[in-house]
């Protein structure tokens, strides 16, 4: 719905209101109240409430040749079918139509003079009128004049109050995987993020019209953020159970593979001393680089001078713990969720800002 203050000027020729000025003291024109003479019943063709553009307190000006004119004004609520797909970057096309209710097509023809549409102001706190157009139509039983407004929403307020906070909340969702498991704040952090997004969802639902076709991308964006928060919460809860598993429980090959490919460097390295090198000890040394900060060489049970070769696979098979598996899941989840939320949010908002255009298919 668009609320506009309208002044409608119309003119016609009524042969019954003609006279010879010389016979009436040179009177060239007369003024009547609108309910004293015939006038076209100009009616709003896109109404929220049925509205006829007449006013008994205003006048009809008639010339001696039968040429009559009148101006009527009113505050109109015109129904417009908005496309909310790209809200708040949307561009809307709104038609404001008028037709002569008491005249059929074969009885009268509407003609628009230039300029047919004059804007008293194009400034509005929410909308910018970028352009206008006008035309006549005979698609219904009555002659109709169509005035089309091309509106662009001013989105700065919504960007600062909704878009940027929502974007930030999506970005920090993955930070839950950086919290220490021992802190006990992981689940509460995930719940807080999800509830914050749910509050933003409620605010957006109150701001935009309740239309389902087409669906608003900002609503899909918020729903996706809530779903990701629920997924993060599920992963955190399951991962806490993995973290506290007993060391006597066997670790599968899949978990060992996760630990292997989430480490920054090699897990172990075997170096042999050249027998011909007189400056080195003749014994074989094994240098082992632990794959987490809690594992030490003494805990691994490896004698540095026993001359044994320790392969990476053997080291993993014997020394991977459930704590290592939990850390590996955290690393993978953080990387995947961060990439999905950051890149997905950025490209979706970019698409909303670029792809928005005037759509006349709904008219």
Protein backbone atom coordinates (compact mmCIF):
# COMPACT_ATOMS: atom_id res chain seq x y z
CA UNK A 1 0.00 0.00 0.00
CA UNK A 2 1.18 3.50 -0.88
CA UNK A 3 -0.31 6.58 0.77
CA UNK A 4 -0.21 9.65 -1.46
CA UNK A 5 -1.65 13.16 -1.32
CA UNK A 6 -3.28 13.59 -4.72
CA UNK A 7 -4.70 16.50 -6.66
CA UNK A 8 -6.55 15.36 -9.78
CA UNK A 9 -7.34 17.93 -12.50
CA UNK A 10 -9.86 17.02 -15.18
CA UNK A 11 -11.50 18.94 -18.03
CA UNK A 12 -14.36 18.17 -20.41
CA UNK A 13 -16.89 19.85 -22.72
CA UNK A 14 -20.54 19.99 -21.71
CA UNK A 15 -22.66 21.36 -24.58
CA UNK A 16 -25.55 21.96 -22.20
CA UNK A 17 -23.49 24.62 -20.40
CA UNK A 18 -22.99 27.01 -23.33
CA UNK A 19 -24.25 30.58 -23.72
CA UNK A 20 -23.73 33.73 -25.70
CA UNK A 21 -21.71 36.13 -23.54
CA UNK A 22 -23.22 39.13 -25.36
CA UNK A 23 -26.68 38.09 -24.16
CA UNK A 24 -25.57 37.95 -20.54
CA UNK A 25 -23.61 41.12 -20.05
CA UNK A 26 -20.35 39.74 -21.42
CA UNK A 27 -20.03 36.95 -18.82
CA UNK A 28 -17.35 34.61 -20.12
CA UNK A 29 -17.27 32.02 -17.31
CA UNK A 30 -19.13 30.84 -14.27
CA UNK A 31 -18.35 28.81 -11.17
CA UNK A 32 -20.58 26.10 -9.69
CA UNK A 33 -20.30 23.76 -6.76
CA UNK A 34 -19.47 20.25 -7.90
CA UNK A 35 -22.85 18.85 -6.87
CA UNK A 36 -24.71 21.45 -9.00
CA UNK A 37 -23.49 20.28 -12.43
CA UNK A 38 -22.59 17.04 -14.12
CA UNK A 39 -19.01 15.93 -13.73
CA UNK A 40 -17.12 12.68 -14.45
CA UNK A 41 -17.00 10.39 -11.42
CA UNK A 42 -13.25 9.82 -11.36
CA UNK A 43 -12.60 6.80 -9.16
CA UNK A 44 -9.39 5.29 -7.83
CA UNK A 45 -8.78 2.07 -9.76
CA UNK A 46 -6.27 0.56 -7.31
CA UNK A 47 -8.00 1.23 -4.01
CA UNK A 48 -7.51 -0.11 -0.52
CA UNK A 49 -10.91 1.49 0.14
CA UNK A 50 -13.40 2.52 -2.54
CA UNK A 51 -12.74 6.22 -3.27
CA UNK A 52 -14.50 8.65 -5.64
CA UNK A 53 -12.58 11.84 -6.36
CA UNK A 54 -15.31 14.40 -5.60
CA UNK A 55 -15.67 17.16 -3.05
CA UNK A 56 -18.89 19.11 -2.59
CA UNK A 57 -17.01 22.07 -1.17
CA UNK A 58 -14.96 22.54 -4.35
CA UNK A 59 -16.02 24.10 -7.62
CA UNK A 60 -16.41 23.41 -11.33
CA UNK A 61 -15.31 26.27 -13.61
CA UNK A 62 -17.35 26.55 -16.84
CA UNK A 63 -16.61 28.76 -19.85
CA UNK A 64 -19.24 30.06 -22.24
CA UNK A 65 -18.21 27.54 -24.90
CA UNK A 66 -19.04 24.63 -22.56
CA UNK A 67 -15.47 23.91 -21.52
CA UNK A 68 -15.52 22.80 -17.86
CA UNK A 69 -12.71 21.94 -15.48
CA UNK A 70 -12.28 20.99 -11.85
CA UNK A 71 -9.60 20.08 -9.34
CA UNK A 72 -10.16 17.59 -6.55
CA UNK A 73 -7.76 16.54 -3.84
CA UNK A 74 -7.65 13.68 -1.41
CA UNK A 75 -5.33 11.47 0.63
CA UNK A 76 -5.39 8.11 -1.15
CA UNK A 77 -4.33 4.65 -0.08
CA UNK A 78 -3.41 2.86 -3.29
CA UNK A 79 -2.83 -0.89 -3.27
CA UNK A 80 0.50 -2.01 -4.73
CA UNK A 81 1.77 -5.55 -5.06
CA UNK A 82 5.38 -5.37 -3.91
CA UNK A 83 8.15 -7.82 -4.72
CA UNK A 84 10.02 -8.36 -1.42
CA UNK A 85 12.65 -10.77 -2.76
CA UNK A 86 15.52 -8.29 -2.47
CA UNK A 87 14.36 -6.35 0.61
CA UNK A 88 15.83 -3.96 1.84
CA UNK A 89 17.55 -3.33 -1.52
CA UNK A 90 14.26 -3.64 -3.40
CA UNK A 91 12.92 -1.53 -6.23
CA UNK A 92 9.17 -1.43 -6.63
CA UNK A 93 6.73 -0.43 -9.38
CA UNK A 94 3.41 0.95 -8.17
CA UNK A 95 0.41 1.81 -10.35
CA UNK A 96 -2.10 4.49 -9.35
CA UNK A 97 -5.07 4.22 -11.72
CA UNK A 98 -8.18 6.36 -12.19
CA UNK A 99 -11.27 5.59 -14.28
CA UNK A 100 -14.57 7.29 -15.00
CA UNK A 101 -17.10 5.19 -13.13
CA UNK A 102 -20.21 6.53 -14.88
CA UNK A 103 -18.89 6.38 -18.46
CA UNK A 104 -18.49 3.36 -20.71
CA UNK A 105 -15.80 2.97 -23.33
CA UNK A 106 -18.14 3.90 -26.19
CA UNK A 107 -19.30 7.03 -24.35
CA UNK A 108 -16.03 8.77 -23.56
CA UNK A 109 -12.31 8.72 -24.22
CA UNK A 110 -9.67 9.74 -21.70
CA UNK A 111 -6.78 11.85 -22.96
CA UNK A 112 -3.74 12.86 -20.94
CA UNK A 113 -2.16 16.27 -21.37
CA UNK A 114 1.54 16.98 -20.93
CA UNK A 115 2.83 17.00 -18.33
CA UNK A 116 0.32 14.40 -17.23
CA UNK A 117 2.00 13.77 -13.85
CA UNK A 118 3.61 16.46 -11.71
CA UNK A 119 5.36 15.60 -8.44
CA UNK A 120 5.12 18.19 -5.73
CA UNK A 121 8.08 16.53 -4.00
CA UNK A 122 10.27 13.49 -4.66
CA UNK A 123 11.76 13.41 -1.16
CA UNK A 124 10.75 10.74 1.31
CA UNK A 125 12.45 9.24 4.35
CA UNK A 126 12.08 5.70 3.01
CA UNK A 127 11.55 5.86 -0.76
CA UNK A 128 13.08 7.64 -3.74
CA UNK A 129 10.89 8.16 -6.83
CA UNK A 130 13.39 7.54 -9.62
CA UNK A 131 11.00 7.99 -12.54
CA UNK A 132 7.33 8.09 -13.52
CA UNK A 133 5.21 7.25 -16.53
CA UNK A 134 1.56 7.63 -17.58
CA UNK A 135 -0.73 6.11 -20.16
CA UNK A 136 -4.37 5.38 -20.94
CA UNK A 137 -5.90 1.95 -21.06
CA UNK A 138 -9.05 0.38 -22.44
CA UNK A 139 -8.56 -3.10 -21.08
CA UNK A 140 -11.67 -2.88 -18.87
CA UNK A 141 -15.19 -1.56 -19.52
CA UNK A 142 -14.32 1.96 -18.41
CA UNK A 143 -11.72 4.37 -19.81
CA UNK A 144 -8.75 4.38 -17.46
CA UNK A 145 -5.68 6.56 -16.85
CA UNK A 146 -2.63 4.77 -15.45
CA UNK A 147 0.11 6.55 -13.53
CA UNK A 148 3.17 4.45 -12.74
CA UNK A 149 5.70 5.23 -10.00
CA UNK A 150 9.17 3.65 -9.92
CA UNK A 151 10.27 3.52 -6.28
CA UNK A 152 13.66 2.63 -4.80
CA UNK A 153 13.93 1.93 -1.08
CA UNK A 154 16.54 3.85 0.89
CA UNK A 155 18.36 0.98 2.60
CA UNK A 156 21.04 2.77 4.67
CA UNK A 157 19.07 2.48 7.91
CA UNK A 158 18.41 -1.24 7.39
CA UNK A 159 22.05 -1.91 6.49
CA UNK A 160 23.29 -0.36 9.74
CA UNK A 161 20.57 -1.71 12.03
CA UNK A 162 19.94 -5.17 10.53
CA UNK A 163 22.23 -6.31 7.72
CA UNK A 164 25.61 -5.61 9.36
CA UNK A 165 24.64 -7.07 12.78
CA UNK A 166 23.24 -10.21 11.14
CA UNK A 167 26.37 -10.54 9.00
CA UNK A 168 28.54 -10.19 12.12
CA UNK A 169 26.50 -12.77 14.07
CA UNK A 170 26.94 -15.27 11.25
CA UNK A 171 30.69 -14.68 11.18
CA UNK A 172 31.23 -15.30 14.90
CA UNK A 173 29.13 -18.49 14.92
CA UNK A 174 32.20 -20.64 14.17
CA UNK A 175 34.22 -19.10 17.04
CA UNK A 176 32.56 -21.61 19.36
CA UNK A 177 35.10 -24.19 18.16
CA UNK A 178 37.96 -22.04 19.48
CA UNK A 179 36.66 -22.09 23.05
CA UNK A 180 38.39 -24.62 25.31
CA UNK A 181 36.25 -27.66 25.99
CA UNK A 182 37.04 -27.41 29.70
CA UNK A 183 35.51 -23.91 29.90
CA UNK A 184 31.97 -25.26 29.77
CA UNK A 185 30.76 -22.23 27.77
CA UNK A 186 30.46 -23.82 24.37
CA UNK A 187 26.81 -24.83 24.46
CA UNK A 188 25.69 -21.56 26.05
CA UNK A 189 27.64 -19.61 23.39
CA UNK A 190 25.87 -21.51 20.58
CA UNK A 191 22.47 -20.98 22.19
CA UNK A 192 23.15 -17.24 22.56
CA UNK A 193 24.03 -16.88 18.86
CA UNK A 194 20.95 -18.82 17.80
CA UNK A 195 18.63 -16.75 20.01
CA UNK A 196 20.16 -13.50 18.74
CA UNK A 197 19.48 -14.54 15.14
CA UNK A 198 15.93 -15.54 16.12
CA UNK A 199 15.38 -12.04 17.52
CA UNK A 200 16.61 -10.49 14.25
CA UNK A 201 14.27 -12.84 12.39
CA UNK A 202 11.35 -11.48 14.39
CA UNK A 203 12.38 -7.88 13.69
CA UNK A 204 12.63 -8.53 9.95
CA UNK A 205 9.26 -10.31 9.93
CA UNK A 206 7.68 -7.21 11.50
CA UNK A 207 9.29 -4.87 8.95
CA UNK A 208 8.40 -6.54 5.67
CA UNK A 209 4.97 -7.49 4.27
CA UNK A 210 3.94 -11.08 4.86
CA UNK A 211 4.30 -12.40 1.33
CA UNK A 212 5.47 -15.86 0.33
CA UNK A 213 5.85 -15.54 -3.44
CA UNK A 214 8.56 -14.65 -4.04
CA UNK A 215 10.21 -15.37 -0.69
CA UNK A 216 12.49 -12.72 0.77
CA UNK A 217 16.19 -13.56 0.53
CA UNK A 218 16.90 -11.85 3.86
CA UNK A 219 14.52 -14.31 5.55
CA UNK A 220 16.28 -17.22 3.86
CA UNK A 221 19.59 -15.70 4.97
CA UNK A 222 18.45 -15.54 8.61
CA UNK A 223 16.95 -19.02 8.51
CA UNK A 224 20.22 -20.40 7.15
CA UNK A 225 22.10 -18.68 10.00
CA UNK A 226 19.80 -20.26 12.59
CA UNK A 227 20.24 -23.70 10.99
CA UNK A 228 24.04 -23.30 11.01
CA UNK A 229 23.89 -22.33 14.70
CA UNK A 230 21.89 -25.49 15.42
CA UNK A 231 24.42 -27.56 13.49
CA UNK A 232 27.28 -25.98 15.46
CA UNK A 233 25.45 -26.74 18.70
CA UNK A 234 24.98 -30.37 17.66
CA UNK A 235 28.66 -30.73 16.73
CA UNK A 236 29.77 -29.12 20.01
CA UNK A 237 27.63 -31.45 22.12
CA UNK A 238 28.77 -34.58 20.25
CA UNK A 239 32.39 -33.41 20.34
CA UNK A 240 32.25 -32.90 24.10
CA UNK A 241 31.24 -36.55 24.43
CA UNK A 242 34.21 -37.55 22.25
CA UNK A 243 36.56 -35.40 24.34
CA UNK A 244 35.59 -37.18 27.57
CA UNK A 245 35.71 -40.74 26.22
CA UNK A 246 37.86 -43.23 28.07
CA UNK A 247 41.32 -43.99 26.68
CA UNK A 248 40.48 -47.70 26.85
CA UNK A 249 37.92 -47.25 24.06
CA UNK A 250 39.39 -48.16 20.70
CA UNK A 251 39.88 -45.34 18.17
CA UNK A 252 38.83 -46.09 14.63
CA UNK A 253 40.87 -45.46 11.50
CA UNK A 254 38.57 -42.63 10.43
CA UNK A 255 39.32 -40.65 13.59
CA UNK A 256 43.04 -41.34 13.19
CA UNK A 257 42.86 -39.98 9.66
CA UNK A 258 41.19 -36.80 10.93
CA UNK A 259 44.02 -36.30 13.41
CA UNK A 260 46.65 -36.97 10.75
CA UNK A 261 45.36 -34.43 8.25
CA UNK A 262 44.66 -31.66 10.74
CA UNK A 263 48.21 -31.37 12.00
CA UNK A 264 50.45 -28.57 10.77
CA UNK A 265 53.63 -30.64 10.40
CA UNK A 266 54.90 -34.23 10.34
CA UNK A 267 54.15 -36.26 13.42
CA UNK A 268 57.47 -38.02 13.60
CA UNK A 269 60.75 -38.05 11.79
CA UNK A 270 63.43 -40.73 11.78
CA UNK A 271 67.04 -39.69 11.25
CA UNK A 272 69.97 -42.11 11.00
CA UNK A 273 73.50 -41.04 11.87
CA UNK A 274 76.03 -41.63 9.13
CA UNK A 275 78.46 -44.30 10.29
CA UNK A 276 81.31 -42.57 8.51
CA UNK A 277 80.74 -39.30 10.34
CA UNK A 278 83.31 -39.23 13.14
CA UNK A 279 81.82 -36.10 14.68
CA UNK A 280 78.46 -37.79 15.42
CA UNK A 281 77.43 -40.46 17.84
CA UNK A 282 77.40 -43.97 16.28
CA UNK A 283 73.95 -44.75 17.73
CA UNK A 284 70.70 -44.14 15.96
CA UNK A 285 68.53 -41.32 17.19
CA UNK A 286 64.82 -40.97 16.70
CA UNK A 287 63.37 -37.48 16.69
CA UNK A 288 59.66 -37.37 17.29
CA UNK A 289 57.59 -34.24 16.83
CA UNK A 290 54.38 -34.52 18.87
CA UNK A 291 51.12 -33.72 17.12
CA UNK A 292 49.62 -31.90 20.09
CA UNK A 293 51.04 -29.78 22.83
CA UNK A 294 50.11 -32.25 25.58
CA UNK A 295 52.11 -35.20 24.23
CA UNK A 296 55.76 -35.51 25.24
CA UNK A 297 58.46 -37.91 24.11
CA UNK A 298 58.66 -39.56 27.51
CA UNK A 299 54.89 -40.13 27.48
CA UNK A 300 55.26 -41.78 24.07
CA UNK A 301 57.54 -44.39 25.62
CA UNK A 302 60.33 -43.89 23.08
CA UNK A 303 63.93 -44.21 24.06
CA UNK A 304 65.93 -41.67 22.12
CA UNK A 305 69.03 -43.91 21.96
CA UNK A 306 67.57 -47.38 21.53
CA UNK A 307 68.37 -47.51 17.82
CA UNK A 308 64.76 -48.25 16.79
CA UNK A 309 62.97 -46.84 13.80
CA UNK A 310 59.50 -45.41 14.56
CA UNK A 311 57.24 -44.77 11.60
CA UNK A 312 54.48 -42.18 11.51
CA UNK A 313 51.75 -44.79 11.15
CA UNK A 314 52.98 -46.80 14.13
CA UNK A 315 53.21 -43.65 16.22
CA UNK A 316 49.63 -42.66 15.35
CA UNK A 317 48.25 -46.15 15.96
CA UNK A 318 49.62 -46.21 19.48
CA UNK A 319 49.50 -42.60 20.66
CA UNK A 320 46.34 -40.93 19.21
CA UNK A 321 43.89 -40.12 22.02
CA UNK A 322 40.26 -39.07 22.06
CA UNK A 323 41.38 -35.59 23.05
CA UNK A 324 43.37 -35.40 19.80
CA UNK A 325 40.30 -36.53 17.87
CA UNK A 326 38.20 -33.81 19.57
CA UNK A 327 40.77 -31.14 18.66
CA UNK A 328 40.80 -32.36 15.04
CA UNK A 329 37.00 -32.12 14.81
CA UNK A 330 37.17 -28.58 16.20
CA UNK A 331 39.73 -27.52 13.58
CA UNK A 332 37.77 -28.99 10.67
CA UNK A 333 34.46 -27.56 11.90
CA UNK A 334 35.94 -24.10 12.42
CA UNK A 335 37.42 -23.97 8.91
CA UNK A 336 34.31 -25.32 7.15
CA UNK A 337 31.77 -23.20 9.06
CA UNK A 338 33.90 -20.04 8.76
CA UNK A 339 34.28 -20.41 4.99
CA UNK A 340 30.59 -21.21 4.49
CA UNK A 341 29.25 -18.36 6.62
CA UNK A 342 31.69 -15.68 5.46
CA UNK A 343 31.68 -16.44 1.73
CA UNK A 344 28.00 -17.37 1.65
CA UNK A 345 26.93 -14.22 3.50
CA UNK A 346 29.14 -11.96 1.39
CA UNK A 347 27.98 -13.27 -1.98
CA UNK A 348 24.31 -13.38 -0.95
CA UNK A 349 24.34 -9.75 0.19
CA UNK A 350 26.27 -8.75 -2.93
CA UNK A 351 23.69 -10.51 -5.11
CA UNK A 352 20.81 -8.81 -3.27
CA UNK A 353 22.35 -5.39 -3.88
CA UNK A 354 23.21 -5.96 -7.56
CA UNK A 355 20.33 -8.10 -8.85
CA UNK A 356 17.51 -5.91 -7.53
CA UNK A 357 15.61 -4.28 -10.38
CA UNK A 358 12.14 -3.09 -11.31
CA UNK A 359 9.78 -5.99 -11.93
CA UNK A 360 6.58 -5.27 -13.86
CA UNK A 361 5.51 -8.93 -14.04
CA UNK A 362 3.37 -8.52 -10.92
CA UNK A 363 1.33 -5.65 -12.40
